[in-house]
Amino acid sequence: MNSSVLLDEGSAAAAAAAATILQGSLEASEFGRKFGKLPEKNLQKALSLMGKVGVRKCAKREQLPEDYISQLPHEILVHILSYLTFKEAVRTSVLSKCWTNLWTYSARLDFFDFSALQRMDESQAAEYKSVRKRERRKFVKWVNKVLQSHKALALDEFRVHFNLKRSSQKAIDKWLQFAFARNVQRLTLDLSEHGSCGYFPKAYAFPYGPLGISGKSLESNSFALIDFKSLKALSLTRVNVSGEVLKFILHHCQYLEHLVVRDSNDLINVEVSGPLALKHLEICFCFNIECLTIHDANLVSLKISCIDTLVLKNVPMLADVYVYSYSRGGVRGIITRLSCCLLKLQVLSLLISFDEVKQLKEMLHELPPQLPKLKQLTLDVSAEEDESLIGLTSLIRVFPNLEKLVIKMWWDSETVIRPRKLGKAINHSLQHLEVLELSGFLGCTSEIELVKYFLENAVALEKIIIDPHQDWGDFCCPELESEFKEATETEKCARKRAKRQLNRLIIPSHVELVIM
């Protein structure tokens, strides 16, 4: 059975809405009722939607079949399952006989077990190793069992997110072979724990085998063993992969557009060059990397951290750059190495220390007078004391067409808020800035100074977002990020201070103030 199906825009929307209704059915029925036993309102809504994808809507309620959705072609039902999480798709087996094995044709396999990760994290010291070993063994057994039952001939997505190590090498190798043999388009292998980063000596190593490479040499390979040219997106976290293997992947995956490598101990030198399909590249927290060279490539976005030497040549399409940290030269080093593409950038994200904020005026001499194409700027600012950050406004002036500014504050845990008079920067009209966002807001005087400055100078300002929550971003995976969103006492106090302090400022009626 072919698990992929092409739908027009209206039918695809109908299938997505039907999946939402199906989720509600699973919850309301306690996994035991048939889909046809929905309440009247949901039933009529589902019928209306299904009419768009080939099922005739019955004129009267009593004429409705008990299990009407099962009349849809299997390809449509499988497509509907693609809008559910993998676990939800498996749970549809209890809805009716028609659904029993339908999930085995799903083109999307997503293996993630948050409960098991939580048990591993919360285990006591005495049983720490035994709990982790047990949970890893159970996870591997679960994945193996699913793959044995799976029947789809092609995969749109294959994703594994669990804290596994080198001890699971053989099992993971087989999973990758399974995915590549089914022409997987998007492959994610995240073996990290709570998005942590660092040096991990027992990390899983990306194998040569699944690439169809014989032995340890890339020169003598039998690439025809497995065709993985359908791969469009590859993301590897806590997976050791060498620069040689990355180069091989880049030049043989002719449709690969998105590549992410995080927490790899084996990356030392990486070269990206030539007529590639690659549009988005991320290499972060690979602490042994020495040099990243990109030339004659059509990259659109680049995200890097912890790289000593960055060489960019002839990257005419590069418009979105994120640099989290730079061990050589700080912001000045970044500016120097981005010189070939600065005038074309539309989105820029930088990490800047408080000491560098003080030196910004000097650094600006190394920048072009204006960078007219930049529309969005994100600054991760690390600060220890509540000293003025008004120096940031010098940098903002370089971007005359800036539309959105995001400032993420990383305050030291021992930062003490001391009331003082608000400082003032030289006024400079910002004609296009529409959105100002401050995250990690603590309520320090330096933050209020910035808000006041933009209220006075951003003539097109429409919205100010104040978020006391610390944005963990790259240190936390999407599924686990919600665990960090519970408001701490610090955040609650910051929220109260924000309301009190900002009420003292004159905020024009056309500016929307949002305190998260």
Protein backbone atom coordinates (compact mmCIF):
# COMPACT_ATOMS: atom_id res chain seq x y z
CA MET A 1 0.00 0.00 0.00
CA ASN A 2 1.27 3.41 -0.92
CA SER A 3 1.14 5.51 2.26
CA SER A 4 1.62 8.86 0.52
CA VAL A 5 -1.24 10.74 -1.08
CA LEU A 6 -1.48 14.10 -2.82
CA LEU A 7 -4.37 16.33 -1.74
CA ASP A 8 -5.43 19.74 -2.91
CA GLU A 9 -5.32 22.61 -0.42
CA GLY A 10 -8.97 22.26 0.65
CA SER A 11 -8.76 18.50 1.09
CA ALA A 12 -5.53 18.77 3.06
CA ALA A 13 -7.19 21.27 5.40
CA ALA A 14 -10.13 18.90 5.77
CA ALA A 15 -7.81 16.03 6.61
CA ALA A 16 -6.02 18.13 9.24
CA ALA A 17 -9.34 19.13 10.82
CA ALA A 18 -10.49 15.51 10.75
CA ALA A 19 -7.33 14.54 12.63
CA THR A 20 -8.18 17.13 15.30
CA ILE A 21 -11.64 15.61 15.66
CA LEU A 22 -10.04 12.17 15.84
CA GLN A 23 -7.86 13.33 18.72
CA GLY A 24 -10.97 14.48 20.55
CA SER A 25 -12.59 11.14 19.87
CA LEU A 26 -9.66 9.29 21.41
CA GLU A 27 -9.83 11.42 24.55
CA ALA A 28 -13.62 11.42 24.92
CA SER A 29 -14.02 7.71 24.28
CA GLU A 30 -11.29 6.62 26.69
CA PHE A 31 -9.77 4.80 23.72
CA GLY A 32 -12.68 2.36 23.54
CA ARG A 33 -15.49 3.88 21.48
CA LYS A 34 -15.75 3.82 17.73
CA PHE A 35 -15.20 7.01 15.82
CA GLY A 36 -18.84 6.94 14.68
CA LYS A 37 -20.01 7.37 18.28
CA LEU A 38 -19.09 11.03 18.38
CA PRO A 39 -21.46 13.67 19.75
CA GLU A 40 -23.91 15.13 17.21
CA LYS A 41 -21.96 18.39 16.70
CA ASN A 42 -18.63 16.66 16.05
CA LEU A 43 -20.29 14.07 13.83
CA GLN A 44 -21.90 16.65 11.55
CA LYS A 45 -18.64 18.63 11.42
CA ALA A 46 -16.67 15.53 10.47
CA LEU A 47 -19.15 14.62 7.75
CA SER A 48 -18.96 18.10 6.28
CA LEU A 49 -15.17 17.87 6.18
CA MET A 50 -15.13 14.37 4.80
CA GLY A 51 -17.42 15.46 1.98
CA LYS A 52 -14.45 17.42 0.65
CA VAL A 53 -12.33 14.29 0.28
CA GLY A 54 -14.77 11.93 -1.39
CA VAL A 55 -17.35 10.74 1.15
CA ARG A 56 -20.97 11.58 0.36
CA LYS A 57 -22.71 13.48 3.14
CA CYS A 58 -25.97 11.78 4.16
CA ALA A 59 -29.07 13.95 4.19
CA LYS A 60 -30.51 12.72 7.47
CA ARG A 61 -29.01 11.82 10.81
CA GLU A 62 -30.59 8.34 10.85
CA GLN A 63 -29.05 7.52 7.49
CA LEU A 64 -25.50 7.96 8.75
CA PRO A 65 -23.40 4.79 8.79
CA GLU A 66 -22.17 3.81 12.24
CA ASP A 67 -18.52 3.91 11.18
CA TYR A 68 -18.73 6.35 8.27
CA ILE A 69 -15.09 7.47 8.32
CA SER A 70 -13.95 3.92 7.54
CA GLN A 71 -15.43 4.35 4.07
CA LEU A 72 -12.60 6.67 3.15
CA PRO A 73 -9.80 5.22 0.99
CA HIS A 74 -6.94 3.84 3.06
CA GLU A 75 -4.55 6.39 1.58
CA ILE A 76 -6.72 9.22 2.93
CA LEU A 77 -6.98 7.59 6.37
CA VAL A 78 -3.21 7.17 6.52
CA HIS A 79 -2.80 10.81 5.50
CA ILE A 80 -5.11 11.84 8.36
CA LEU A 81 -2.90 9.85 10.76
CA SER A 82 0.09 11.93 9.65
CA TYR A 83 -1.43 14.90 11.53
CA LEU A 84 -1.37 12.97 14.81
CA THR A 85 1.58 12.18 17.02
CA PHE A 86 2.91 8.68 16.48
CA LYS A 87 1.55 7.44 19.81
CA GLU A 88 -1.88 8.83 18.96
CA ALA A 89 -1.74 7.11 15.58
CA VAL A 90 -1.03 3.76 17.26
CA ARG A 91 -3.88 4.32 19.72
CA THR A 92 -6.40 4.61 16.85
CA SER A 93 -6.17 0.82 16.58
CA VAL A 94 -8.90 0.56 19.25
CA LEU A 95 -11.41 2.71 17.37
CA SER A 96 -12.68 -0.02 15.02
CA LYS A 97 -11.55 -3.03 13.02
CA CYS A 98 -10.76 -0.80 10.06
CA TRP A 99 -8.18 1.13 12.12
CA THR A 100 -6.47 -1.89 13.72
CA ASN A 101 -3.29 -1.95 11.63
CA LEU A 102 -3.65 1.34 9.78
CA TRP A 103 -0.86 3.00 11.76
CA THR A 104 1.63 0.46 10.34
CA TYR A 105 1.37 2.30 7.01
CA SER A 106 2.16 5.68 8.53
CA ALA A 107 4.83 7.62 6.66
CA ARG A 108 5.85 9.39 9.86
CA LEU A 109 7.63 7.54 12.68
CA ASP A 110 8.41 9.61 15.77
CA PHE A 111 9.92 7.81 18.77
CA PHE A 112 9.97 9.89 21.94
CA ASP A 113 9.22 8.84 25.51
CA PHE A 114 9.15 11.77 27.90
CA SER A 115 7.97 9.67 30.87
CA ALA A 116 10.98 7.38 30.56
CA LEU A 117 13.37 10.34 30.30
CA GLN A 118 11.79 11.79 33.41
CA ARG A 119 12.22 8.52 35.32
CA MET A 120 15.88 8.44 34.30
CA ASP A 121 16.39 12.02 35.41
CA GLU A 122 14.65 11.61 38.76
CA SER A 123 16.25 8.29 39.74
CA GLN A 124 18.14 8.22 43.03
CA ALA A 125 21.93 7.95 43.08
CA ALA A 126 21.86 4.33 44.30
CA GLU A 127 19.77 3.16 41.35
CA TYR A 128 20.86 5.75 38.80
CA LYS A 129 22.72 3.34 36.52
CA SER A 130 20.23 0.49 36.77
CA VAL A 131 17.24 2.75 36.00
CA ARG A 132 18.94 4.22 32.95
CA LYS A 133 19.98 0.82 31.67
CA ARG A 134 16.45 -0.53 32.11
CA GLU A 135 14.74 2.43 30.43
CA ARG A 136 17.15 2.38 27.50
CA ARG A 137 16.57 -1.33 27.03
CA LYS A 138 12.79 -0.83 27.07
CA PHE A 139 13.01 2.02 24.56
CA VAL A 140 15.15 -0.01 22.14
CA LYS A 141 12.75 -2.95 22.44
CA TRP A 142 9.78 -0.66 21.70
CA VAL A 143 11.37 0.82 18.57
CA ASN A 144 12.42 -2.62 17.30
CA LYS A 145 8.90 -3.96 17.78
CA VAL A 146 7.33 -1.06 15.88
CA LEU A 147 9.76 -1.37 12.98
CA GLN A 148 9.04 -5.09 12.69
CA SER A 149 5.33 -4.31 12.27
CA HIS A 150 5.73 -1.32 9.97
CA LYS A 151 4.61 -1.82 6.37
CA ALA A 152 4.99 1.52 4.61
CA LEU A 153 7.30 1.46 1.61
CA ALA A 154 8.36 5.10 2.02
CA LEU A 155 8.94 7.44 4.96
CA ASP A 156 8.39 11.18 5.06
CA GLU A 157 9.92 11.47 8.54
CA PHE A 158 11.87 9.25 10.92
CA ARG A 159 12.69 10.71 14.32
CA VAL A 160 14.28 9.23 17.43
CA HIS A 161 14.67 11.32 20.57
CA PHE A 162 15.94 9.47 23.62
CA ASN A 163 19.05 9.41 25.77
CA LEU A 164 20.98 6.55 24.16
CA LYS A 165 24.72 5.88 24.08
CA ARG A 166 27.29 3.82 22.24
CA SER A 167 25.96 0.67 23.94
CA SER A 168 22.95 0.89 21.60
CA GLN A 169 25.12 1.26 18.48
CA LYS A 170 23.94 -1.92 16.70
CA ALA A 171 20.25 -1.19 17.28
CA ILE A 172 20.50 2.42 16.09
CA ASP A 173 22.51 1.34 13.04
CA LYS A 174 19.63 -0.96 12.06
CA TRP A 175 17.09 1.83 12.59
CA LEU A 176 19.04 4.07 10.21
CA GLN A 177 19.28 1.28 7.64
CA PHE A 178 15.51 0.82 7.96
CA ALA A 179 14.90 4.54 7.36
CA PHE A 180 17.32 4.90 4.44
CA ALA A 181 15.94 1.75 2.78
CA ARG A 182 12.53 3.47 2.76
CA ASN A 183 13.84 6.65 1.16
CA VAL A 184 13.32 8.76 4.25
CA GLN A 185 13.02 12.48 3.53
CA ARG A 186 13.48 13.93 7.04
CA LEU A 187 15.71 12.15 9.56
CA THR A 188 16.24 13.30 13.14
CA LEU A 189 18.46 11.47 15.62
CA ASP A 190 18.53 13.25 18.99
CA LEU A 191 20.27 11.21 21.67
CA SER A 192 20.68 14.08 24.14
CA GLU A 193 19.31 14.45 27.63
CA HIS A 194 17.16 17.55 28.29
CA GLY A 195 18.96 19.37 25.48
CA SER A 196 22.22 19.46 27.48
CA CYS A 197 25.52 20.03 25.71
CA GLY A 198 29.14 19.23 26.44
CA TYR A 199 31.74 16.50 25.94
CA PHE A 200 30.34 12.97 26.01
CA PRO A 201 32.96 10.22 25.56
CA LYS A 202 30.40 7.39 25.13
CA ALA A 203 28.28 9.08 22.47
CA TYR A 204 26.84 7.08 19.59
CA ALA A 205 28.91 7.30 16.39
CA PHE A 206 27.21 7.79 13.03
CA PRO A 207 28.10 4.65 11.07
CA TYR A 208 29.55 4.27 7.62
CA GLY A 209 27.34 1.27 6.88
CA PRO A 210 23.97 2.99 6.36
CA LEU A 211 25.61 5.25 3.79
CA GLY A 212 26.61 2.23 1.76
CA ILE A 213 30.28 2.90 2.53
CA SER A 214 32.57 -0.11 2.77
CA GLY A 215 34.96 -0.22 5.71
CA LYS A 216 36.43 3.00 7.05
CA SER A 217 37.41 4.56 3.75
CA LEU A 218 35.22 6.90 1.82
CA GLU A 219 37.35 6.43 -1.26
CA SER A 220 36.28 2.82 -1.84
CA ASN A 221 32.55 2.73 -1.30
CA SER A 222 29.59 0.86 -2.71
CA PHE A 223 27.12 3.72 -2.58
CA ALA A 224 24.55 1.79 -4.59
CA LEU A 225 23.85 -0.46 -1.59
CA ILE A 226 21.39 2.07 -0.19
CA ASP A 227 19.87 5.01 -2.01
CA PHE A 228 19.43 7.89 0.42
CA LYS A 229 19.27 10.59 -2.22
CA SER A 230 15.69 11.37 -1.18
CA LEU A 231 16.94 12.88 2.10
CA LYS A 232 15.88 16.53 2.43
CA ALA A 233 16.57 17.21 6.12
CA LEU A 234 19.08 15.62 8.49
CA SER A 235 19.43 16.53 12.18
CA LEU A 236 21.99 14.84 14.45
CA THR A 237 22.26 15.68 18.16
CA ARG A 238 24.67 13.95 20.53
CA VAL A 239 25.87 11.88 17.58
CA ASN A 240 29.56 11.72 16.74
CA VAL A 241 30.01 12.40 13.05
CA SER A 242 33.23 13.28 11.25
CA GLY A 243 33.80 16.05 8.76
CA GLU A 244 34.61 13.39 6.16
CA VAL A 245 31.21 11.74 6.55
CA LEU A 246 29.45 15.13 6.45
CA LYS A 247 31.22 15.98 3.21
CA PHE A 248 30.16 12.63 1.75
CA ILE A 249 26.53 13.22 2.78
CA LEU A 250 26.49 16.76 1.37
CA HIS A 251 27.77 15.69 -2.03
CA HIS A 252 25.61 12.58 -2.41
CA CYS A 253 22.29 13.74 -0.96
CA GLN A 254 21.35 15.88 -3.92
CA TYR A 255 18.09 17.10 -2.32
CA LEU A 256 19.44 17.80 1.18
CA GLU A 257 18.35 21.31 2.14
CA HIS A 258 18.53 21.30 5.95
CA LEU A 259 21.50 19.99 7.98
CA VAL A 260 21.87 20.22 11.77
CA VAL A 261 24.78 18.82 13.82
CA ARG A 262 24.90 19.42 17.56
CA ASP A 263 27.10 17.98 20.30
CA SER A 264 29.45 16.03 18.04
CA ASN A 265 32.87 15.28 19.51
CA ASP A 266 34.36 14.15 16.20
CA LEU A 267 33.88 17.29 14.12
CA ILE A 268 37.18 19.12 13.66
CA ASN A 269 37.23 20.64 10.18
CA VAL A 270 34.13 21.10 8.05
CA GLU A 271 33.98 22.28 4.47
CA VAL A 272 30.79 23.18 2.62
CA SER A 273 31.27 24.03 -1.01
CA GLY A 274 30.04 23.54 -4.53
CA PRO A 275 26.63 23.44 -6.20
CA LEU A 276 24.62 21.98 -3.32
CA ALA A 277 20.90 22.03 -2.55
CA LEU A 278 21.76 22.92 1.07
CA LYS A 279 19.90 26.02 2.24
CA HIS A 280 20.07 25.80 6.05
CA LEU A 281 23.13 24.77 8.06
CA GLU A 282 23.46 24.56 11.85
CA ILE A 283 26.61 23.43 13.67
CA CYS A 284 26.42 24.11 17.40
CA PHE A 285 28.17 22.95 20.58
CA CYS A 286 30.72 20.83 18.72
CA PHE A 287 33.52 21.82 21.06
CA ASN A 288 36.40 20.20 19.16
CA ILE A 289 35.68 21.97 15.90
CA GLU A 290 38.50 24.18 14.70
CA CYS A 291 37.43 25.48 11.32
CA LEU A 292 34.24 25.85 9.28
CA THR A 293 34.77 26.83 5.66
CA ILE A 294 31.85 27.74 3.41
CA HIS A 295 32.41 28.88 -0.14
CA ASP A 296 30.58 28.93 -3.46
CA ALA A 297 27.41 27.74 -1.74
CA ASN A 298 23.77 28.83 -1.89
CA LEU A 299 23.16 28.82 1.86
CA VAL A 300 20.24 30.96 3.02
CA SER A 301 20.67 30.57 6.80
CA LEU A 302 23.64 29.72 9.03
CA LYS A 303 23.61 28.96 12.75
CA ILE A 304 26.90 28.31 14.55
CA SER A 305 28.50 28.30 17.99
CA CYS A 306 31.87 27.45 19.52
CA ILE A 307 33.82 27.77 16.28
CA ASP A 308 37.28 29.36 16.35
CA THR A 309 37.76 29.91 12.63
CA LEU A 310 34.94 30.76 10.24
CA VAL A 311 35.72 31.32 6.54
CA LEU A 312 32.97 32.62 4.27
CA LYS A 313 33.52 33.21 0.55
CA ASN A 314 30.97 33.75 -2.18
CA VAL A 315 27.76 33.02 -0.27
CA PRO A 316 25.43 35.38 -2.18
CA MET A 317 22.16 33.93 -0.82
CA LEU A 318 23.07 34.10 2.88
CA ALA A 319 20.44 36.26 4.60
CA ASP A 320 19.95 34.77 8.09
CA VAL A 321 22.91 34.34 10.47
CA TYR A 322 22.90 33.23 14.11
CA VAL A 323 26.17 33.20 16.05
CA TYR A 324 25.74 32.06 19.63
CA SER A 325 29.32 32.28 20.85
CA TYR A 326 32.71 33.02 19.44
CA SER A 327 35.87 32.07 21.25
CA ARG A 328 38.10 34.32 19.19
CA GLY A 329 37.47 38.02 18.89
CA GLY A 330 33.94 38.18 20.29
CA VAL A 331 31.51 40.39 18.38
CA ARG A 332 34.40 42.13 16.64
CA GLY A 333 35.57 38.75 15.32
CA ILE A 334 32.07 37.95 14.09
CA ILE A 335 31.78 41.25 12.27
CA THR A 336 35.12 40.69 10.55
CA ARG A 337 34.22 37.19 9.36
CA LEU A 338 30.75 38.17 8.18
CA SER A 339 32.05 41.13 6.21
CA CYS A 340 31.40 39.46 2.85
CA CYS A 341 27.67 39.11 3.52
CA LEU A 342 26.80 41.85 6.03
CA LEU A 343 25.22 44.12 3.42
CA LYS A 344 22.82 41.35 2.35
CA LEU A 345 21.73 40.05 5.75
CA GLN A 346 18.04 40.26 6.64
CA VAL A 347 18.12 38.40 9.99
CA LEU A 348 21.02 38.51 12.46
CA SER A 349 21.34 36.95 15.93
CA LEU A 350 24.35 37.61 18.16
CA LEU A 351 25.58 36.85 21.65
CA ILE A 352 27.06 39.97 23.23
CA SER A 353 28.60 40.41 26.66
CA PHE A 354 28.12 43.45 28.86
CA ASP A 355 31.78 44.40 28.37
CA GLU A 356 31.22 44.41 24.60
CA VAL A 357 28.18 46.66 25.00
CA LYS A 358 30.54 49.26 26.47
CA GLN A 359 32.86 48.92 23.45
CA LEU A 360 30.20 49.07 20.76
CA LYS A 361 31.00 52.62 19.69
CA GLU A 362 34.57 51.58 18.87
CA MET A 363 33.41 48.43 17.06
CA LEU A 364 30.99 50.35 14.86
CA HIS A 365 33.92 51.90 13.01
CA GLU A 366 34.54 48.43 11.55
CA LEU A 367 30.97 48.19 10.19
CA PRO A 368 29.60 49.78 7.03
CA PRO A 369 27.78 53.06 7.85
CA GLN A 370 24.44 51.31 7.30
CA LEU A 371 23.15 47.78 6.77
CA PRO A 372 19.90 48.58 4.96
CA LYS A 373 18.51 45.07 4.37
CA LEU A 374 18.44 43.84 7.96
CA LYS A 375 14.83 43.42 9.14
CA GLN A 376 15.23 41.44 12.36
CA LEU A 377 17.95 41.59 15.02
CA THR A 378 18.23 39.31 18.07
CA LEU A 379 20.76 40.09 20.79
CA ASP A 380 21.54 37.62 23.57
CA VAL A 381 22.98 39.87 26.27
CA SER A 382 24.86 38.42 29.24
CA ALA A 383 25.03 40.80 32.19
CA GLU A 384 26.08 40.56 35.82
CA GLU A 385 25.22 43.94 37.29
CA ASP A 386 22.43 46.41 36.63
CA GLU A 387 24.63 48.76 34.64
CA SER A 388 23.38 50.70 31.65
CA LEU A 389 22.76 48.83 28.40
CA ILE A 390 21.98 52.04 26.56
CA GLY A 391 25.11 51.45 24.49
CA LEU A 392 23.08 48.91 22.48
CA THR A 393 21.29 51.82 20.83
CA SER A 394 24.52 52.68 18.98
CA LEU A 395 24.30 49.33 17.23
CA ILE A 396 20.61 49.73 16.38
CA ARG A 397 21.33 52.91 14.41
CA VAL A 398 23.32 50.90 11.88
CA PHE A 399 20.12 49.13 10.79
CA PRO A 400 17.82 51.87 9.43
CA ASN A 401 15.15 49.45 8.17
CA LEU A 402 14.99 47.23 11.24
CA GLU A 403 11.42 46.04 11.87
CA LYS A 404 11.81 43.69 14.85
CA LEU A 405 14.28 43.80 17.73
CA VAL A 406 14.55 40.96 20.25
CA ILE A 407 16.77 41.37 23.31
CA LYS A 408 17.26 38.23 25.40
CA MET A 409 18.68 39.04 28.81
CA TRP A 410 20.86 36.52 30.62
CA TRP A 411 21.22 37.94 34.11
CA ASP A 412 23.61 36.50 36.66
CA SER A 413 21.69 34.63 39.37
CA GLU A 414 23.14 37.00 41.98
CA THR A 415 22.19 40.21 40.18
CA VAL A 416 20.93 42.81 42.65
CA ILE A 417 18.42 45.43 41.50
CA ARG A 418 19.48 48.86 42.74
CA PRO A 419 17.23 51.84 41.93
CA ARG A 420 19.01 54.69 40.10
CA LYS A 421 18.17 57.50 37.72
CA LEU A 422 17.40 56.53 34.15
CA GLY A 423 20.24 57.20 31.71
CA LYS A 424 19.61 58.77 28.33
CA ALA A 425 21.07 58.08 24.89
CA ILE A 426 21.30 60.44 21.94
CA ASN A 427 17.95 60.49 20.17
CA HIS A 428 17.87 58.86 16.75
CA SER A 429 14.64 58.36 14.83
CA LEU A 430 13.89 54.71 14.02
CA GLN A 431 11.47 54.83 11.12
CA HIS A 432 10.61 51.16 10.68
CA LEU A 433 10.89 49.41 14.07
CA GLU A 434 7.47 47.86 14.76
CA VAL A 435 8.11 45.22 17.45
CA LEU A 436 10.34 45.31 20.53
CA GLU A 437 10.65 42.13 22.59
CA LEU A 438 12.53 41.80 25.89
CA SER A 439 12.83 38.26 27.30
CA GLY A 440 14.45 37.29 30.57
CA PHE A 441 13.10 40.61 31.89
CA LEU A 442 14.09 41.17 35.51
CA GLY A 443 12.91 44.74 36.07
CA CYS A 444 16.34 46.33 36.22
CA THR A 445 16.80 50.03 35.54
CA SER A 446 18.88 49.20 32.47
CA GLU A 447 15.87 47.42 30.90
CA ILE A 448 13.51 50.32 31.62
CA GLU A 449 16.06 52.68 30.01
CA LEU A 450 15.88 50.66 26.81
CA VAL A 451 12.07 50.59 26.74
CA LYS A 452 11.97 54.35 27.31
CA TYR A 453 14.49 54.97 24.52
CA PHE A 454 12.47 53.00 21.97
CA LEU A 455 9.20 54.62 23.04
CA GLU A 456 10.78 57.99 22.33
CA ASN A 457 12.57 57.12 19.08
CA ALA A 458 10.70 54.30 17.32
CA VAL A 459 8.01 56.29 15.53
CA ALA A 460 6.44 53.19 13.90
CA LEU A 461 6.41 51.09 17.08
CA GLU A 462 3.29 48.94 17.35
CA LYS A 463 4.03 46.37 20.03
CA ILE A 464 6.24 45.87 23.10
CA ILE A 465 6.53 42.34 24.50
CA ILE A 466 7.90 41.91 28.02
CA ASP A 467 8.64 38.29 29.00
CA PRO A 468 10.20 37.55 32.41
CA HIS A 469 10.68 33.92 31.41
CA GLN A 470 14.22 32.91 30.53
CA ASP A 471 14.35 31.64 26.97
CA TRP A 472 16.37 28.42 27.15
CA GLY A 473 16.27 28.08 23.38
CA ASP A 474 19.22 25.95 22.29
CA PHE A 475 19.66 24.36 25.69
CA CYS A 476 16.30 22.63 25.66
CA CYS A 477 14.45 20.53 23.11
CA PRO A 478 10.87 21.57 22.14
CA GLU A 479 9.15 18.74 24.04
CA LEU A 480 11.01 19.46 27.26
CA GLU A 481 10.89 23.26 27.06
CA SER A 482 7.38 23.29 28.55
CA GLU A 483 8.86 21.79 31.71
CA PHE A 484 10.87 24.99 32.22
CA LYS A 485 7.94 27.32 31.64
CA GLU A 486 6.50 27.08 35.11
CA ALA A 487 6.86 30.54 36.56
CA THR A 488 9.51 30.83 39.26
CA GLU A 489 9.25 33.28 42.13
CA THR A 490 11.83 35.45 40.37
CA GLU A 491 9.66 35.61 37.26
CA LYS A 492 6.53 36.40 39.28
CA CYS A 493 8.28 39.29 41.00
CA ALA A 494 9.67 40.51 37.66
CA ARG A 495 6.18 40.48 36.19
CA LYS A 496 4.89 42.66 39.04
CA ARG A 497 7.83 45.06 38.68
CA ALA A 498 7.23 45.31 34.94
CA LYS A 499 3.60 46.34 35.44
CA ARG A 500 4.54 48.87 38.11
CA GLN A 501 7.53 50.39 36.30
CA LEU A 502 6.07 50.53 32.80
CA ASN A 503 2.92 52.19 34.07
CA ARG A 504 5.12 55.17 34.94
CA LEU A 505 6.18 55.58 31.32
CA ILE A 506 4.11 57.39 28.73
CA ILE A 507 3.01 54.66 26.32
CA PRO A 508 1.16 55.96 23.23
CA SER A 509 -2.31 54.53 22.63
CA HIS A 510 -1.27 52.92 19.34
CA VAL A 511 1.46 50.85 21.07
CA GLU A 512 0.29 47.50 22.45
CA LEU A 513 2.05 46.49 25.67
CA VAL A 514 2.10 42.72 26.33
CA ILE A 515 3.48 41.40 29.61
CA MET A 516 3.76 37.63 29.37
